[in-house]
Amino acid sequence: YESDLKKAEELVINSVEKIMKPLWEKFPKRIKKEAHNRLVFKDSGIDVTVRYFTLATNRNQISTEIRREIFNRIRKSKNVEIAYPHTEVLFREKKK
């Protein structure tokens, strides 16, 4: 919830487009050559997922390349983090 959601969405879409663009050029014209975000609220953050058309025969390899690209972009980003369950303790002084 502390990440820049718009930046996270852009990061995911741009990652897919980088990997898929060369493949999409070979697809028939009737196939949509774009990625679409899906957002889901979770306890530890917002899941940003993406859907795209790909080749069924290479789906696992392509999705791994896309995940790797997303991960690398998140690591370079200052505004987007991967959410994970954790506890943060804040000590505050009581007002008298």
N, C-alpha and C. Protein backbone atom coordinates (compact mmCIF):
# COMPACT_ATOMS: atom_id res chain seq x y z
N TYR A 1 0.81 -1.20 0.00
CA TYR A 1 0.00 0.00 0.00
C TYR A 1 0.85 1.26 0.00
N GLU A 2 2.14 1.11 0.21
CA GLU A 2 3.02 2.27 0.26
C GLU A 2 3.69 2.55 -1.08
N SER A 3 3.49 1.69 -2.05
CA SER A 3 4.08 1.87 -3.37
C SER A 3 3.23 2.82 -4.22
N ASP A 4 3.84 3.35 -5.24
CA ASP A 4 3.15 4.18 -6.23
C ASP A 4 2.41 3.25 -7.18
N LEU A 5 1.10 3.13 -7.02
CA LEU A 5 0.32 2.17 -7.79
C LEU A 5 0.39 2.43 -9.29
N LYS A 6 0.29 3.68 -9.69
CA LYS A 6 0.37 4.00 -11.12
C LYS A 6 1.71 3.57 -11.70
N LYS A 7 2.78 3.81 -10.96
CA LYS A 7 4.13 3.40 -11.39
C LYS A 7 4.22 1.88 -11.47
N ALA A 8 3.63 1.18 -10.52
CA ALA A 8 3.65 -0.29 -10.52
C ALA A 8 2.92 -0.83 -11.75
N GLU A 9 1.77 -0.24 -12.07
CA GLU A 9 1.03 -0.67 -13.25
C GLU A 9 1.83 -0.44 -14.52
N GLU A 10 2.45 0.72 -14.63
CA GLU A 10 3.28 1.03 -15.81
C GLU A 10 4.45 0.06 -15.91
N LEU A 11 5.06 -0.22 -14.80
CA LEU A 11 6.21 -1.12 -14.75
C LEU A 11 5.83 -2.51 -15.28
N VAL A 12 4.68 -3.01 -14.86
CA VAL A 12 4.23 -4.33 -15.29
C VAL A 12 3.91 -4.33 -16.78
N ILE A 13 3.16 -3.34 -17.24
CA ILE A 13 2.80 -3.26 -18.66
C ILE A 13 4.04 -3.13 -19.53
N ASN A 14 4.96 -2.25 -19.15
CA ASN A 14 6.18 -2.05 -19.93
C ASN A 14 7.05 -3.30 -19.98
N SER A 15 7.06 -4.06 -18.91
CA SER A 15 7.81 -5.32 -18.89
C SER A 15 7.24 -6.32 -19.89
N VAL A 16 5.92 -6.44 -19.90
CA VAL A 16 5.27 -7.35 -20.84
C VAL A 16 5.54 -6.90 -22.28
N GLU A 17 5.38 -5.61 -22.53
CA GLU A 17 5.58 -5.11 -23.89
C GLU A 17 7.02 -5.33 -24.37
N LYS A 18 7.99 -5.17 -23.49
CA LYS A 18 9.39 -5.38 -23.87
C LYS A 18 9.61 -6.82 -24.34
N ILE A 19 9.08 -7.77 -23.61
CA ILE A 19 9.29 -9.19 -23.94
C ILE A 19 8.41 -9.62 -25.10
N MET A 20 7.16 -9.14 -25.13
CA MET A 20 6.19 -9.64 -26.10
C MET A 20 6.23 -8.93 -27.46
N LYS A 21 6.71 -7.71 -27.52
CA LYS A 21 6.65 -6.94 -28.78
C LYS A 21 7.23 -7.71 -29.98
N PRO A 22 8.41 -8.30 -29.87
CA PRO A 22 8.94 -9.05 -31.02
C PRO A 22 8.05 -10.24 -31.41
N LEU A 23 7.42 -10.86 -30.42
CA LEU A 23 6.54 -12.00 -30.70
C LEU A 23 5.22 -11.54 -31.29
N TRP A 24 4.68 -10.44 -30.77
CA TRP A 24 3.40 -9.93 -31.24
C TRP A 24 3.46 -9.55 -32.73
N GLU A 25 4.63 -9.13 -33.20
CA GLU A 25 4.76 -8.75 -34.62
C GLU A 25 4.45 -9.91 -35.54
N LYS A 26 4.62 -11.13 -35.04
CA LYS A 26 4.39 -12.33 -35.84
C LYS A 26 2.96 -12.86 -35.70
N PHE A 27 2.17 -12.29 -34.78
CA PHE A 27 0.81 -12.75 -34.54
C PHE A 27 -0.12 -12.26 -35.65
N PRO A 28 -1.21 -12.98 -35.89
CA PRO A 28 -2.21 -12.49 -36.87
C PRO A 28 -2.79 -11.15 -36.41
N LYS A 29 -3.26 -10.37 -37.35
CA LYS A 29 -3.79 -9.03 -37.05
C LYS A 29 -4.99 -9.06 -36.11
N ARG A 30 -5.76 -10.14 -36.12
CA ARG A 30 -6.97 -10.20 -35.30
C ARG A 30 -6.67 -10.36 -33.80
N ILE A 31 -5.45 -10.74 -33.45
CA ILE A 31 -5.06 -10.93 -32.06
C ILE A 31 -4.68 -9.59 -31.44
N LYS A 32 -5.22 -9.32 -30.24
CA LYS A 32 -4.88 -8.08 -29.54
C LYS A 32 -3.44 -8.14 -29.05
N LYS A 33 -2.71 -7.12 -29.40
CA LYS A 33 -1.29 -7.07 -29.05
C LYS A 33 -1.07 -6.03 -27.97
N GLU A 34 -1.68 -6.29 -26.82
CA GLU A 34 -1.55 -5.37 -25.69
C GLU A 34 -1.74 -6.13 -24.40
N ALA A 35 -1.25 -5.54 -23.32
CA ALA A 35 -1.38 -6.14 -21.99
C ALA A 35 -2.43 -5.37 -21.20
N HIS A 36 -3.08 -6.06 -20.27
CA HIS A 36 -4.11 -5.44 -19.44
C HIS A 36 -3.83 -5.75 -17.97
N ASN A 37 -3.90 -4.72 -17.13
CA ASN A 37 -3.71 -4.89 -15.68
C ASN A 37 -4.97 -5.37 -15.00
N ARG A 38 -4.77 -6.07 -13.90
CA ARG A 38 -5.84 -6.44 -12.99
C ARG A 38 -5.34 -6.09 -11.58
N LEU A 39 -6.19 -5.49 -10.77
CA LEU A 39 -5.82 -5.11 -9.40
C LEU A 39 -6.72 -5.84 -8.41
N VAL A 40 -6.11 -6.34 -7.32
CA VAL A 40 -6.86 -7.01 -6.26
C VAL A 40 -6.30 -6.54 -4.93
N PHE A 41 -7.17 -6.08 -4.04
CA PHE A 41 -6.75 -5.68 -2.71
C PHE A 41 -6.48 -6.93 -1.87
N LYS A 42 -5.34 -6.93 -1.19
CA LYS A 42 -4.94 -8.03 -0.30
C LYS A 42 -4.57 -7.46 1.06
N ASP A 43 -4.33 -8.33 2.04
CA ASP A 43 -3.96 -7.87 3.38
C ASP A 43 -2.66 -7.07 3.39
N SER A 44 -1.69 -7.52 2.62
CA SER A 44 -0.37 -6.89 2.68
C SER A 44 -0.11 -5.90 1.55
N GLY A 45 -1.06 -5.72 0.66
CA GLY A 45 -0.86 -4.81 -0.46
C GLY A 45 -1.86 -5.05 -1.56
N ILE A 46 -1.57 -4.52 -2.71
CA ILE A 46 -2.44 -4.67 -3.88
C ILE A 46 -1.72 -5.56 -4.88
N ASP A 47 -2.37 -6.65 -5.30
CA ASP A 47 -1.81 -7.50 -6.34
C ASP A 47 -1.99 -6.80 -7.68
N VAL A 48 -0.91 -6.60 -8.38
CA VAL A 48 -0.96 -6.05 -9.73
C VAL A 48 -0.61 -7.20 -10.67
N THR A 49 -1.61 -7.71 -11.35
CA THR A 49 -1.38 -8.81 -12.28
C THR A 49 -1.60 -8.29 -13.70
N VAL A 50 -1.19 -9.08 -14.66
CA VAL A 50 -1.28 -8.66 -16.05
C VAL A 50 -1.71 -9.84 -16.91
N ARG A 51 -2.51 -9.52 -17.93
CA ARG A 51 -2.96 -10.53 -18.89
C ARG A 51 -2.50 -10.10 -20.28
N TYR A 52 -2.13 -11.09 -21.08
CA TYR A 52 -1.63 -10.82 -22.43
C TYR A 52 -1.74 -12.09 -23.26
N PHE A 53 -1.84 -11.94 -24.56
CA PHE A 53 -1.83 -13.09 -25.45
C PHE A 53 -0.39 -13.51 -25.69
N THR A 54 -0.17 -14.83 -25.67
CA THR A 54 1.17 -15.36 -25.90
C THR A 54 1.06 -16.70 -26.63
N LEU A 55 2.19 -17.24 -26.97
CA LEU A 55 2.22 -18.55 -27.61
C LEU A 55 2.08 -19.63 -26.55
N ALA A 56 1.13 -20.51 -26.72
CA ALA A 56 0.90 -21.57 -25.74
C ALA A 56 2.12 -22.50 -25.63
N THR A 57 2.81 -22.71 -26.73
CA THR A 57 3.95 -23.63 -26.72
C THR A 57 5.13 -23.09 -25.93
N ASN A 58 5.24 -21.79 -25.78
CA ASN A 58 6.36 -21.18 -25.05
C ASN A 58 5.89 -20.40 -23.83
N ARG A 59 4.69 -20.64 -23.39
CA ARG A 59 4.08 -19.84 -22.33
C ARG A 59 4.93 -19.78 -21.05
N ASN A 60 5.42 -20.92 -20.59
CA ASN A 60 6.20 -20.94 -19.35
C ASN A 60 7.49 -20.14 -19.48
N GLN A 61 8.19 -20.30 -20.58
CA GLN A 61 9.44 -19.57 -20.81
C GLN A 61 9.17 -18.07 -20.91
N ILE A 62 8.15 -17.69 -21.64
CA ILE A 62 7.81 -16.28 -21.82
C ILE A 62 7.39 -15.65 -20.50
N SER A 63 6.54 -16.33 -19.74
CA SER A 63 6.09 -15.76 -18.46
C SER A 63 7.24 -15.63 -17.47
N THR A 64 8.20 -16.56 -17.52
CA THR A 64 9.39 -16.45 -16.68
C THR A 64 10.22 -15.23 -17.07
N GLU A 65 10.39 -15.01 -18.36
CA GLU A 65 11.14 -13.83 -18.82
C GLU A 65 10.45 -12.54 -18.38
N ILE A 66 9.12 -12.53 -18.47
CA ILE A 66 8.37 -11.34 -18.07
C ILE A 66 8.50 -11.13 -16.56
N ARG A 67 8.37 -12.17 -15.76
CA ARG A 67 8.52 -12.04 -14.31
C ARG A 67 9.92 -11.53 -13.93
N ARG A 68 10.92 -12.06 -14.63
CA ARG A 68 12.29 -11.61 -14.37
C ARG A 68 12.44 -10.12 -14.69
N GLU A 69 11.86 -9.69 -15.79
CA GLU A 69 11.90 -8.27 -16.18
C GLU A 69 11.17 -7.41 -15.15
N ILE A 70 10.01 -7.85 -14.70
CA ILE A 70 9.26 -7.11 -13.67
C ILE A 70 10.10 -7.02 -12.39
N PHE A 71 10.67 -8.12 -11.95
CA PHE A 71 11.47 -8.13 -10.73
C PHE A 71 12.64 -7.16 -10.83
N ASN A 72 13.36 -7.20 -11.95
CA ASN A 72 14.50 -6.30 -12.14
C ASN A 72 14.07 -4.83 -12.14
N ARG A 73 12.94 -4.53 -12.73
CA ARG A 73 12.45 -3.15 -12.74
C ARG A 73 12.02 -2.70 -11.34
N ILE A 74 11.42 -3.60 -10.59
CA ILE A 74 11.03 -3.26 -9.21
C ILE A 74 12.27 -2.96 -8.38
N ARG A 75 13.29 -3.77 -8.53
CA ARG A 75 14.54 -3.55 -7.76
C ARG A 75 15.17 -2.21 -8.08
N LYS A 76 15.03 -1.73 -9.31
CA LYS A 76 15.60 -0.44 -9.71
C LYS A 76 14.71 0.73 -9.32
N SER A 77 13.45 0.46 -9.07
CA SER A 77 12.48 1.52 -8.77
C SER A 77 12.61 2.02 -7.34
N LYS A 78 12.40 3.30 -7.17
CA LYS A 78 12.40 3.88 -5.83
C LYS A 78 10.99 3.97 -5.26
N ASN A 79 9.98 3.82 -6.12
CA ASN A 79 8.58 4.05 -5.72
C ASN A 79 7.75 2.78 -5.63
N VAL A 80 8.32 1.63 -6.02
CA VAL A 80 7.55 0.38 -6.05
C VAL A 80 8.30 -0.68 -5.27
N GLU A 81 7.55 -1.37 -4.39
CA GLU A 81 8.14 -2.44 -3.59
C GLU A 81 7.27 -3.69 -3.70
N ILE A 82 7.88 -4.83 -3.42
CA ILE A 82 7.13 -6.08 -3.35
C ILE A 82 6.59 -6.20 -1.93
N ALA A 83 5.28 -6.39 -1.81
CA ALA A 83 4.65 -6.52 -0.49
C ALA A 83 4.85 -7.94 0.03
N TYR A 84 5.05 -8.04 1.33
CA TYR A 84 5.15 -9.34 1.98
C TYR A 84 4.68 -9.17 3.42
N PRO A 85 4.14 -10.21 4.01
CA PRO A 85 3.66 -10.09 5.39
C PRO A 85 4.83 -9.81 6.34
N HIS A 86 4.70 -8.78 7.14
CA HIS A 86 5.70 -8.46 8.14
C HIS A 86 5.06 -7.59 9.22
N THR A 87 5.78 -7.43 10.29
CA THR A 87 5.28 -6.64 11.41
C THR A 87 6.19 -5.45 11.63
N GLU A 88 5.59 -4.30 11.83
CA GLU A 88 6.35 -3.09 12.12
C GLU A 88 5.86 -2.58 13.47
N VAL A 89 6.79 -2.33 14.37
CA VAL A 89 6.44 -1.84 15.71
C VAL A 89 6.81 -0.36 15.79
N LEU A 90 5.84 0.46 16.17
CA LEU A 90 6.05 1.89 16.34
C LEU A 90 5.83 2.24 17.80
N PHE A 91 6.80 2.87 18.41
CA PHE A 91 6.67 3.33 19.79
C PHE A 91 6.32 4.80 19.78
N ARG A 92 5.24 5.15 20.47
CA ARG A 92 4.81 6.54 20.56
C ARG A 92 4.68 6.93 22.02
N GLU A 93 5.07 8.13 22.31
CA GLU A 93 4.91 8.62 23.68
C GLU A 93 3.46 9.00 23.90
N LYS A 94 2.97 8.67 25.11
CA LYS A 94 1.61 9.06 25.46
C LYS A 94 1.58 10.54 25.77
N LYS A 95 0.51 11.19 25.34
CA LYS A 95 0.33 12.61 25.67
C LYS A 95 -0.21 12.71 27.10
N LYS A 96 0.30 13.68 27.85
CA LYS A 96 -0.13 13.83 29.23
C LYS A 96 -1.26 14.81 29.35
